[in-house]
Amino acid sequence: MEEFDLKAYVKQECAITWDDTSLDSQIEEAKAYLRDISGTSISFDAPGTATSLLKNRVRYDRNGALALFETDFRSSLLRFQLSEGLKGGVLDGESK
């Protein structure tokens, strides 16, 4: 089975065909944002809700519309928070 490549996934989904030095920092910022929103440590190792939200946050960031992301994805972000909370995830640096 092929290993999931988050950067390649974001590049493909956002139609980025060139190497962009700012993409790495945008991905890291989106990871931090989603971890903060969920209150847990999230893995971005496979396609799913977390990677979909990450991809869209990067897309909004790249298009200068980051201020609209939370409004446009409010219901998805709330479902994501609830889902992660119900999983009983572990906060960074803490154990159950």
PDB file of N, CA and C in Angstrom:
ATOM      1  N   MET A   1       0.839  -1.183   0.000  1.00  0.00           N
ATOM      2  CA  MET A   1       0.000   0.000   0.000  1.00  0.00           C
ATOM      3  C   MET A   1       0.886   1.248   0.000  1.00  0.00           C
ATOM      4  N   GLU A   2       0.512   2.219  -0.771  1.00  0.00           N
ATOM      5  CA  GLU A   2       1.287   3.436  -0.925  1.00  0.00           C
ATOM      6  C   GLU A   2       1.128   4.357   0.274  1.00  0.00           C
ATOM      7  N   GLU A   3       2.235   4.964   0.715  1.00  0.00           N
ATOM      8  CA  GLU A   3       2.204   5.886   1.848  1.00  0.00           C
ATOM      9  C   GLU A   3       1.529   7.189   1.430  1.00  0.00           C
ATOM     10  N   PHE A   4       0.692   7.732   2.308  1.00  0.00           N
ATOM     11  CA  PHE A   4      -0.014   8.979   2.044  1.00  0.00           C
ATOM     12  C   PHE A   4       0.961  10.145   2.136  1.00  0.00           C
ATOM     13  N   ASP A   5       0.984  10.987   1.120  1.00  0.00           N
ATOM     14  CA  ASP A   5       1.853  12.158   1.056  1.00  0.00           C
ATOM     15  C   ASP A   5       0.974  13.405   1.160  1.00  0.00           C
ATOM     16  N   LEU A   6       0.936  13.996   2.356  1.00  0.00           N
ATOM     17  CA  LEU A   6       0.059  15.137   2.610  1.00  0.00           C
ATOM     18  C   LEU A   6       0.356  16.309   1.674  1.00  0.00           C
ATOM     19  N   LYS A   7       1.622  16.624   1.493  1.00  0.00           N
ATOM     20  CA  LYS A   7       1.970  17.764   0.630  1.00  0.00           C
ATOM     21  C   LYS A   7       1.519  17.524  -0.809  1.00  0.00           C
ATOM     22  N   ALA A   8       1.732  16.320  -1.321  1.00  0.00           N
ATOM     23  CA  ALA A   8       1.287  15.999  -2.681  1.00  0.00           C
ATOM     24  C   ALA A   8      -0.233  16.069  -2.789  1.00  0.00           C
ATOM     25  N   TYR A   9      -0.927  15.600  -1.733  1.00  0.00           N
ATOM     26  CA  TYR A   9      -2.396  15.655  -1.698  1.00  0.00           C
ATOM     27  C   TYR A   9      -2.873  17.103  -1.767  1.00  0.00           C
ATOM     28  N   VAL A  10      -2.276  17.978  -0.950  1.00  0.00           N
ATOM     29  CA  VAL A  10      -2.674  19.385  -0.946  1.00  0.00           C
ATOM     30  C   VAL A  10      -2.365  20.027  -2.296  1.00  0.00           C
ATOM     31  N   LYS A  11      -1.182  19.743  -2.834  1.00  0.00           N
ATOM     32  CA  LYS A  11      -0.818  20.304  -4.139  1.00  0.00           C
ATOM     33  C   LYS A  11      -1.802  19.874  -5.222  1.00  0.00           C
ATOM     34  N   GLN A  12      -2.155  18.597  -5.238  1.00  0.00           N
ATOM     35  CA  GLN A  12      -3.085  18.092  -6.250  1.00  0.00           C
ATOM     36  C   GLN A  12      -4.470  18.718  -6.089  1.00  0.00           C
ATOM     37  N   GLU A  13      -4.969  18.719  -4.865  1.00  0.00           N
ATOM     38  CA  GLU A  13      -6.319  19.225  -4.614  1.00  0.00           C
ATOM     39  C   GLU A  13      -6.441  20.733  -4.816  1.00  0.00           C
ATOM     40  N   CYS A  14      -5.328  21.453  -4.633  1.00  0.00           N
ATOM     41  CA  CYS A  14      -5.337  22.909  -4.817  1.00  0.00           C
ATOM     42  C   CYS A  14      -4.809  23.317  -6.194  1.00  0.00           C
ATOM     43  N   ALA A  15      -4.577  22.330  -7.062  1.00  0.00           N
ATOM     44  CA  ALA A  15      -4.090  22.566  -8.425  1.00  0.00           C
ATOM     45  C   ALA A  15      -2.781  23.351  -8.439  1.00  0.00           C
ATOM     46  N   ILE A  16      -1.853  22.960  -7.566  1.00  0.00           N
ATOM     47  CA  ILE A  16      -0.527  23.583  -7.518  1.00  0.00           C
ATOM     48  C   ILE A  16       0.420  22.653  -8.265  1.00  0.00           C
ATOM     49  N   THR A  17       0.971  23.139  -9.358  1.00  0.00           N
ATOM     50  CA  THR A  17       1.834  22.300 -10.187  1.00  0.00           C
ATOM     51  C   THR A  17       3.306  22.696 -10.104  1.00  0.00           C
ATOM     52  N   TRP A  18       3.623  23.665  -9.261  1.00  0.00           N
ATOM     53  CA  TRP A  18       4.992  24.152  -9.141  1.00  0.00           C
ATOM     54  C   TRP A  18       5.439  23.998  -7.683  1.00  0.00           C
ATOM     55  N   ASP A  19       6.731  24.130  -7.456  1.00  0.00           N
ATOM     56  CA  ASP A  19       7.250  24.110  -6.095  1.00  0.00           C
ATOM     57  C   ASP A  19       7.097  25.500  -5.495  1.00  0.00           C
ATOM     58  N   ASP A  20       6.418  25.562  -4.382  1.00  0.00           N
ATOM     59  CA  ASP A  20       6.166  26.832  -3.717  1.00  0.00           C
ATOM     60  C   ASP A  20       6.709  26.745  -2.302  1.00  0.00           C
ATOM     61  N   THR A  21       7.650  27.597  -1.986  1.00  0.00           N
ATOM     62  CA  THR A  21       8.301  27.542  -0.672  1.00  0.00           C
ATOM     63  C   THR A  21       7.343  27.874   0.464  1.00  0.00           C
ATOM     64  N   SER A  22       6.305  28.616   0.213  1.00  0.00           N
ATOM     65  CA  SER A  22       5.365  28.987   1.275  1.00  0.00           C
ATOM     66  C   SER A  22       4.376  27.863   1.607  1.00  0.00           C
ATOM     67  N   LEU A  23       4.265  26.856   0.741  1.00  0.00           N
ATOM     68  CA  LEU A  23       3.287  25.788   0.966  1.00  0.00           C
ATOM     69  C   LEU A  23       3.563  25.019   2.251  1.00  0.00           C
ATOM     70  N   ASP A  24       4.819  24.711   2.539  1.00  0.00           N
ATOM     71  CA  ASP A  24       5.151  23.973   3.758  1.00  0.00           C
ATOM     72  C   ASP A  24       4.677  24.713   5.009  1.00  0.00           C
ATOM     73  N   SER A  25       4.922  26.012   5.065  1.00  0.00           N
ATOM     74  CA  SER A  25       4.504  26.772   6.249  1.00  0.00           C
ATOM     75  C   SER A  25       2.983  26.884   6.318  1.00  0.00           C
ATOM     76  N   GLN A  26       2.317  26.969   5.175  1.00  0.00           N
ATOM     77  CA  GLN A  26       0.858  27.019   5.180  1.00  0.00           C
ATOM     78  C   GLN A  26       0.268  25.697   5.685  1.00  0.00           C
ATOM     79  N   ILE A  27       0.879  24.595   5.308  1.00  0.00           N
ATOM     80  CA  ILE A  27       0.430  23.285   5.778  1.00  0.00           C
ATOM     81  C   ILE A  27       0.651  23.174   7.285  1.00  0.00           C
ATOM     82  N   GLU A  28       1.811  23.592   7.767  1.00  0.00           N
ATOM     83  CA  GLU A  28       2.108  23.523   9.208  1.00  0.00           C
ATOM     84  C   GLU A  28       1.161  24.411  10.008  1.00  0.00           C
ATOM     85  N   GLU A  29       0.847  25.590   9.494  1.00  0.00           N
ATOM     86  CA  GLU A  29      -0.095  26.484  10.164  1.00  0.00           C
ATOM     87  C   GLU A  29      -1.490  25.861  10.203  1.00  0.00           C
ATOM     88  N   ALA A  30      -1.896  25.217   9.127  1.00  0.00           N
ATOM     89  CA  ALA A  30      -3.204  24.564   9.084  1.00  0.00           C
ATOM     90  C   ALA A  30      -3.259  23.394  10.064  1.00  0.00           C
ATOM     91  N   LYS A  31      -2.168  22.629  10.170  1.00  0.00           N
ATOM     92  CA  LYS A  31      -2.105  21.535  11.151  1.00  0.00           C
ATOM     93  C   LYS A  31      -2.284  22.076  12.563  1.00  0.00           C
ATOM     94  N   ALA A  32      -1.530  23.133  12.884  1.00  0.00           N
ATOM     95  CA  ALA A  32      -1.612  23.727  14.222  1.00  0.00           C
ATOM     96  C   ALA A  32      -3.012  24.248  14.507  1.00  0.00           C
ATOM     97  N   TYR A  33      -3.622  24.874  13.522  1.00  0.00           N
ATOM     98  CA  TYR A  33      -4.982  25.399  13.670  1.00  0.00           C
ATOM     99  C   TYR A  33      -5.961  24.267  13.975  1.00  0.00           C
ATOM    100  N   LEU A  34      -5.902  23.189  13.201  1.00  0.00           N
ATOM    101  CA  LEU A  34      -6.837  22.085  13.393  1.00  0.00           C
ATOM    102  C   LEU A  34      -6.591  21.347  14.706  1.00  0.00           C
ATOM    103  N   ARG A  35      -5.344  21.244  15.107  1.00  0.00           N
ATOM    104  CA  ARG A  35      -5.048  20.637  16.419  1.00  0.00           C
ATOM    105  C   ARG A  35      -5.592  21.520  17.534  1.00  0.00           C
ATOM    106  N   ASP A  36      -5.491  22.822  17.383  1.00  0.00           N
ATOM    107  CA  ASP A  36      -6.018  23.745  18.374  1.00  0.00           C
ATOM    108  C   ASP A  36      -7.543  23.672  18.431  1.00  0.00           C
ATOM    109  N   ILE A  37      -8.172  23.645  17.278  1.00  0.00           N
ATOM    110  CA  ILE A  37      -9.634  23.569  17.200  1.00  0.00           C
ATOM    111  C   ILE A  37     -10.149  22.289  17.853  1.00  0.00           C
ATOM    112  N   SER A  38      -9.466  21.177  17.606  1.00  0.00           N
ATOM    113  CA  SER A  38      -9.930  19.886  18.115  1.00  0.00           C
ATOM    114  C   SER A  38      -9.523  19.655  19.563  1.00  0.00           C
ATOM    115  N   GLY A  39      -8.465  20.326  19.999  1.00  0.00           N
ATOM    116  CA  GLY A  39      -7.963  20.107  21.346  1.00  0.00           C
ATOM    117  C   GLY A  39      -7.241  18.783  21.508  1.00  0.00           C
ATOM    118  N   THR A  40      -6.875  18.153  20.389  1.00  0.00           N
ATOM    119  CA  THR A  40      -6.197  16.861  20.431  1.00  0.00           C
ATOM    120  C   THR A  40      -5.031  16.832  19.455  1.00  0.00           C
ATOM    121  N   SER A  41      -4.245  15.796  19.572  1.00  0.00           N
ATOM    122  CA  SER A  41      -3.192  15.540  18.592  1.00  0.00           C
ATOM    123  C   SER A  41      -3.825  14.774  17.445  1.00  0.00           C
ATOM    124  N   ILE A  42      -3.765  15.315  16.279  1.00  0.00           N
ATOM    125  CA  ILE A  42      -4.396  14.700  15.112  1.00  0.00           C
ATOM    126  C   ILE A  42      -3.322  14.179  14.181  1.00  0.00           C
ATOM    127  N   SER A  43      -3.582  13.028  13.615  1.00  0.00           N
ATOM    128  CA  SER A  43      -2.693  12.484  12.607  1.00  0.00           C
ATOM    129  C   SER A  43      -3.192  12.917  11.232  1.00  0.00           C
ATOM    130  N   PHE A  44      -2.283  13.312  10.407  1.00  0.00           N
ATOM    131  CA  PHE A  44      -2.610  13.695   9.035  1.00  0.00           C
ATOM    132  C   PHE A  44      -1.996  12.687   8.066  1.00  0.00           C
ATOM    133  N   ASP A  45      -1.989  11.426   8.473  1.00  0.00           N
ATOM    134  CA  ASP A  45      -1.336  10.358   7.717  1.00  0.00           C
ATOM    135  C   ASP A  45      -2.232   9.650   6.707  1.00  0.00           C
ATOM    136  N   ALA A  46      -3.517  10.033   6.639  1.00  0.00           N
ATOM    137  CA  ALA A  46      -4.444   9.377   5.719  1.00  0.00           C
ATOM    138  C   ALA A  46      -5.538  10.360   5.332  1.00  0.00           C
ATOM    139  N   PRO A  47      -6.125  10.174   4.168  1.00  0.00           N
ATOM    140  CA  PRO A  47      -7.234  11.039   3.773  1.00  0.00           C
ATOM    141  C   PRO A  47      -8.382  10.921   4.774  1.00  0.00           C
ATOM    142  N   GLY A  48      -9.068  12.001   5.007  1.00  0.00           N
ATOM    143  CA  GLY A  48     -10.191  12.015   5.936  1.00  0.00           C
ATOM    144  C   GLY A  48     -10.623  13.442   6.207  1.00  0.00           C
ATOM    145  N   THR A  49     -11.406  13.606   7.247  1.00  0.00           N
ATOM    146  CA  THR A  49     -11.928  14.928   7.588  1.00  0.00           C
ATOM    147  C   THR A  49     -10.809  15.917   7.886  1.00  0.00           C
ATOM    148  N   ALA A  50      -9.834  15.492   8.669  1.00  0.00           N
ATOM    149  CA  ALA A  50      -8.736  16.398   9.043  1.00  0.00           C
ATOM    150  C   ALA A  50      -7.964  16.873   7.814  1.00  0.00           C
ATOM    151  N   THR A  51      -7.640  15.957   6.918  1.00  0.00           N
ATOM    152  CA  THR A  51      -6.872  16.350   5.730  1.00  0.00           C
ATOM    153  C   THR A  51      -7.718  17.189   4.776  1.00  0.00           C
ATOM    154  N   SER A  52      -9.010  16.912   4.719  1.00  0.00           N
ATOM    155  CA  SER A  52      -9.899  17.712   3.873  1.00  0.00           C
ATOM    156  C   SER A  52      -9.993  19.148   4.391  1.00  0.00           C
ATOM    157  N   LEU A  53     -10.168  19.302   5.704  1.00  0.00           N
ATOM    158  CA  LEU A  53     -10.201  20.642   6.281  1.00  0.00           C
ATOM    159  C   LEU A  53      -8.862  21.346   6.110  1.00  0.00           C
ATOM    160  N   LEU A  54      -7.775  20.627   6.290  1.00  0.00           N
ATOM    161  CA  LEU A  54      -6.444  21.194   6.104  1.00  0.00           C
ATOM    162  C   LEU A  54      -6.280  21.699   4.674  1.00  0.00           C
ATOM    163  N   LYS A  55      -6.646  20.870   3.720  1.00  0.00           N
ATOM    164  CA  LYS A  55      -6.527  21.249   2.311  1.00  0.00           C
ATOM    165  C   LYS A  55      -7.317  22.526   2.020  1.00  0.00           C
ATOM    166  N   ASN A  56      -8.534  22.590   2.526  1.00  0.00           N
ATOM    167  CA  ASN A  56      -9.361  23.763   2.267  1.00  0.00           C
ATOM    168  C   ASN A  56      -8.858  25.001   2.982  1.00  0.00           C
ATOM    169  N   ARG A  57      -8.299  24.836   4.173  1.00  0.00           N
ATOM    170  CA  ARG A  57      -7.733  25.986   4.871  1.00  0.00           C
ATOM    171  C   ARG A  57      -6.527  26.526   4.103  1.00  0.00           C
ATOM    172  N   VAL A  58      -5.687  25.637   3.591  1.00  0.00           N
ATOM    173  CA  VAL A  58      -4.551  26.062   2.772  1.00  0.00           C
ATOM    174  C   VAL A  58      -5.049  26.777   1.514  1.00  0.00           C
ATOM    175  N   ARG A  59      -6.080  26.239   0.903  1.00  0.00           N
ATOM    176  CA  ARG A  59      -6.640  26.852  -0.313  1.00  0.00           C
ATOM    177  C   ARG A  59      -7.133  28.276  -0.022  1.00  0.00           C
ATOM    178  N   TYR A  60      -7.858  28.436   1.067  1.00  0.00           N
ATOM    179  CA  TYR A  60      -8.346  29.768   1.449  1.00  0.00           C
ATOM    180  C   TYR A  60      -7.168  30.694   1.755  1.00  0.00           C
ATOM    181  N   ASP A  61      -6.156  30.176   2.441  1.00  0.00           N
ATOM    182  CA  ASP A  61      -4.973  30.965   2.764  1.00  0.00           C
ATOM    183  C   ASP A  61      -4.286  31.442   1.485  1.00  0.00           C
ATOM    184  N   ARG A  62      -4.097  30.557   0.544  1.00  0.00           N
ATOM    185  CA  ARG A  62      -3.420  30.887  -0.711  1.00  0.00           C
ATOM    186  C   ARG A  62      -4.197  31.903  -1.543  1.00  0.00           C
ATOM    187  N   ASN A  63      -5.519  31.913  -1.367  1.00  0.00           N
ATOM    188  CA  ASN A  63      -6.356  32.832  -2.138  1.00  0.00           C
ATOM    189  C   ASN A  63      -6.668  34.118  -1.385  1.00  0.00           C
ATOM    190  N   GLY A  64      -6.013  34.316  -0.237  1.00  0.00           N
ATOM    191  CA  GLY A  64      -6.217  35.551   0.520  1.00  0.00           C
ATOM    192  C   GLY A  64      -7.590  35.654   1.158  1.00  0.00           C
ATOM    193  N   ALA A  65      -8.228  34.528   1.399  1.00  0.00           N
ATOM    194  CA  ALA A  65      -9.577  34.525   1.957  1.00  0.00           C
ATOM    195  C   ALA A  65      -9.644  33.786   3.287  1.00  0.00           C
ATOM    196  N   LEU A  66      -8.535  33.726   4.001  1.00  0.00           N
ATOM    197  CA  LEU A  66      -8.467  32.969   5.247  1.00  0.00           C
ATOM    198  C   LEU A  66      -9.504  33.432   6.267  1.00  0.00           C
ATOM    199  N   ALA A  67      -9.831  34.711   6.255  1.00  0.00           N
ATOM    200  CA  ALA A  67     -10.828  35.247   7.191  1.00  0.00           C
ATOM    201  C   ALA A  67     -12.205  34.622   6.978  1.00  0.00           C
ATOM    202  N   LEU A  68     -12.457  34.092   5.798  1.00  0.00           N
ATOM    203  CA  LEU A  68     -13.757  33.491   5.493  1.00  0.00           C
ATOM    204  C   LEU A  68     -13.822  31.990   5.790  1.00  0.00           C
ATOM    205  N   PHE A  69     -12.674  31.384   6.060  1.00  0.00           N
ATOM    206  CA  PHE A  69     -12.628  29.931   6.236  1.00  0.00           C
ATOM    207  C   PHE A  69     -13.553  29.447   7.344  1.00  0.00           C
ATOM    208  N   GLU A  70     -13.456  30.044   8.535  1.00  0.00           N
ATOM    209  CA  GLU A  70     -14.275  29.579   9.650  1.00  0.00           C
ATOM    210  C   GLU A  70     -15.766  29.745   9.368  1.00  0.00           C
ATOM    211  N   THR A  71     -16.139  30.809   8.713  1.00  0.00           N
ATOM    212  CA  THR A  71     -17.549  31.036   8.381  1.00  0.00           C
ATOM    213  C   THR A  71     -18.031  29.996   7.376  1.00  0.00           C
ATOM    214  N   ASP A  72     -17.265  29.788   6.325  1.00  0.00           N
ATOM    215  CA  ASP A  72     -17.675  28.870   5.267  1.00  0.00           C
ATOM    216  C   ASP A  72     -17.650  27.408   5.699  1.00  0.00           C
ATOM    217  N   PHE A  73     -16.798  27.070   6.659  1.00  0.00           N
ATOM    218  CA  PHE A  73     -16.656  25.675   7.093  1.00  0.00           C
ATOM    219  C   PHE A  73     -17.137  25.462   8.534  1.00  0.00           C
ATOM    220  N   ARG A  74     -17.970  26.363   9.015  1.00  0.00           N
ATOM    221  CA  ARG A  74     -18.433  26.306  10.404  1.00  0.00           C
ATOM    222  C   ARG A  74     -19.022  24.941  10.763  1.00  0.00           C
ATOM    223  N   SER A  75     -19.930  24.442   9.960  1.00  0.00           N
ATOM    224  CA  SER A  75     -20.570  23.160  10.298  1.00  0.00           C
ATOM    225  C   SER A  75     -19.573  22.007  10.241  1.00  0.00           C
ATOM    226  N   SER A  76     -18.676  22.014   9.285  1.00  0.00           N
ATOM    227  CA  SER A  76     -17.659  20.961   9.190  1.00  0.00           C
ATOM    228  C   SER A  76     -16.702  21.023  10.374  1.00  0.00           C
ATOM    229  N   LEU A  77     -16.320  22.234  10.780  1.00  0.00           N
ATOM    230  CA  LEU A  77     -15.427  22.390  11.921  1.00  0.00           C
ATOM    231  C   LEU A  77     -16.093  21.935  13.221  1.00  0.00           C
ATOM    232  N   LEU A  78     -17.368  22.238  13.385  1.00  0.00           N
ATOM    233  CA  LEU A  78     -18.091  21.796  14.583  1.00  0.00           C
ATOM    234  C   LEU A  78     -18.211  20.278  14.625  1.00  0.00           C
ATOM    235  N   ARG A  79     -18.550  19.665  13.488  1.00  0.00           N
ATOM    236  CA  ARG A  79     -18.614  18.189  13.427  1.00  0.00           C
ATOM    237  C   ARG A  79     -17.256  17.589  13.737  1.00  0.00           C
ATOM    238  N   PHE A  80     -16.207  18.202  13.211  1.00  0.00           N
ATOM    239  CA  PHE A  80     -14.846  17.735  13.446  1.00  0.00           C
ATOM    240  C   PHE A  80     -14.503  17.813  14.935  1.00  0.00           C
ATOM    241  N   GLN A  81     -14.814  18.935  15.571  1.00  0.00           N
ATOM    242  CA  GLN A  81     -14.555  19.088  17.001  1.00  0.00           C
ATOM    243  C   GLN A  81     -15.297  18.023  17.805  1.00  0.00           C
ATOM    244  N   LEU A  82     -16.562  17.821  17.500  1.00  0.00           N
ATOM    245  CA  LEU A  82     -17.352  16.820  18.217  1.00  0.00           C
ATOM    246  C   LEU A  82     -16.806  15.421  17.999  1.00  0.00           C
ATOM    247  N   SER A  83     -16.474  15.120  16.779  1.00  0.00           N
ATOM    248  CA  SER A  83     -15.947  13.795  16.450  1.00  0.00           C
ATOM    249  C   SER A  83     -14.648  13.521  17.194  1.00  0.00           C
ATOM    250  N   GLU A  84     -13.740  14.482  17.188  1.00  0.00           N
ATOM    251  CA  GLU A  84     -12.468  14.306  17.881  1.00  0.00           C
ATOM    252  C   GLU A  84     -12.677  14.236  19.392  1.00  0.00           C
ATOM    253  N   GLY A  85     -13.600  15.027  19.907  1.00  0.00           N
ATOM    254  CA  GLY A  85     -13.898  15.000  21.334  1.00  0.00           C
ATOM    255  C   GLY A  85     -14.477  13.667  21.772  1.00  0.00           C
ATOM    256  N   LEU A  86     -15.335  13.090  20.937  1.00  0.00           N
ATOM    257  CA  LEU A  86     -15.940  11.798  21.259  1.00  0.00           C
ATOM    258  C   LEU A  86     -14.932  10.660  21.203  1.00  0.00           C
ATOM    259  N   LYS A  87     -13.882  10.850  20.404  1.00  0.00           N
ATOM    260  CA  LYS A  87     -12.828   9.831  20.342  1.00  0.00           C
ATOM    261  C   LYS A  87     -12.002   9.818  21.622  1.00  0.00           C
ATOM    262  N   GLY A  88     -12.107  10.892  22.396  1.00  0.00           N
ATOM    263  CA  GLY A  88     -11.330  10.976  23.631  1.00  0.00           C
ATOM    264  C   GLY A  88      -9.857  11.127  23.365  1.00  0.00           C
ATOM    265  N   GLY A  89      -9.514  11.935  22.372  1.00  0.00           N
ATOM    266  CA  GLY A  89      -8.117  12.141  21.992  1.00  0.00           C
ATOM    267  C   GLY A  89      -7.284  12.684  23.130  1.00  0.00           C
ATOM    268  N   VAL A  90      -6.004  12.582  22.978  1.00  0.00           N
ATOM    269  CA  VAL A  90      -5.051  13.025  23.985  1.00  0.00           C
ATOM    270  C   VAL A  90      -4.503  14.387  23.590  1.00  0.00           C
ATOM    271  N   LEU A  91      -4.484  15.307  24.540  1.00  0.00           N
ATOM    272  CA  LEU A  91      -3.881  16.607  24.297  1.00  0.00           C
ATOM    273  C   LEU A  91      -2.376  16.453  24.210  1.00  0.00           C
ATOM    274  N   ASP A  92      -1.741  17.325  23.456  1.00  0.00           N
ATOM    275  CA  ASP A  92      -0.275  17.277  23.353  1.00  0.00           C
ATOM    276  C   ASP A  92       0.352  17.339  24.736  1.00  0.00           C
ATOM    277  N   GLY A  93       1.243  16.413  25.005  1.00  0.00           N
ATOM    278  CA  GLY A  93       1.981  16.419  26.257  1.00  0.00           C
ATOM    279  C   GLY A  93       1.240  15.856  27.454  1.00  0.00           C
ATOM    280  N   GLU A  94       0.005  15.407  27.267  1.00  0.00           N
ATOM    281  CA  GLU A  94      -0.765  14.848  28.365  1.00  0.00           C
ATOM    282  C   GLU A  94      -1.097  13.392  28.083  1.00  0.00           C
ATOM    283  N   SER A  95      -1.359  12.650  29.127  1.00  0.00           N
ATOM    284  CA  SER A  95      -1.797  11.273  28.931  1.00  0.00           C
ATOM    285  C   SER A  95      -3.095  11.067  29.668  1.00  0.00           C
ATOM    286  N   LYS A  96      -3.816  10.038  29.251  1.00  0.00           N
ATOM    287  CA  LYS A  96      -5.108   9.729  29.880  1.00  0.00           C
ATOM    288  C   LYS A  96      -4.920   9.111  31.232  1.00  0.00           C
TER     289      LYS A  96
END
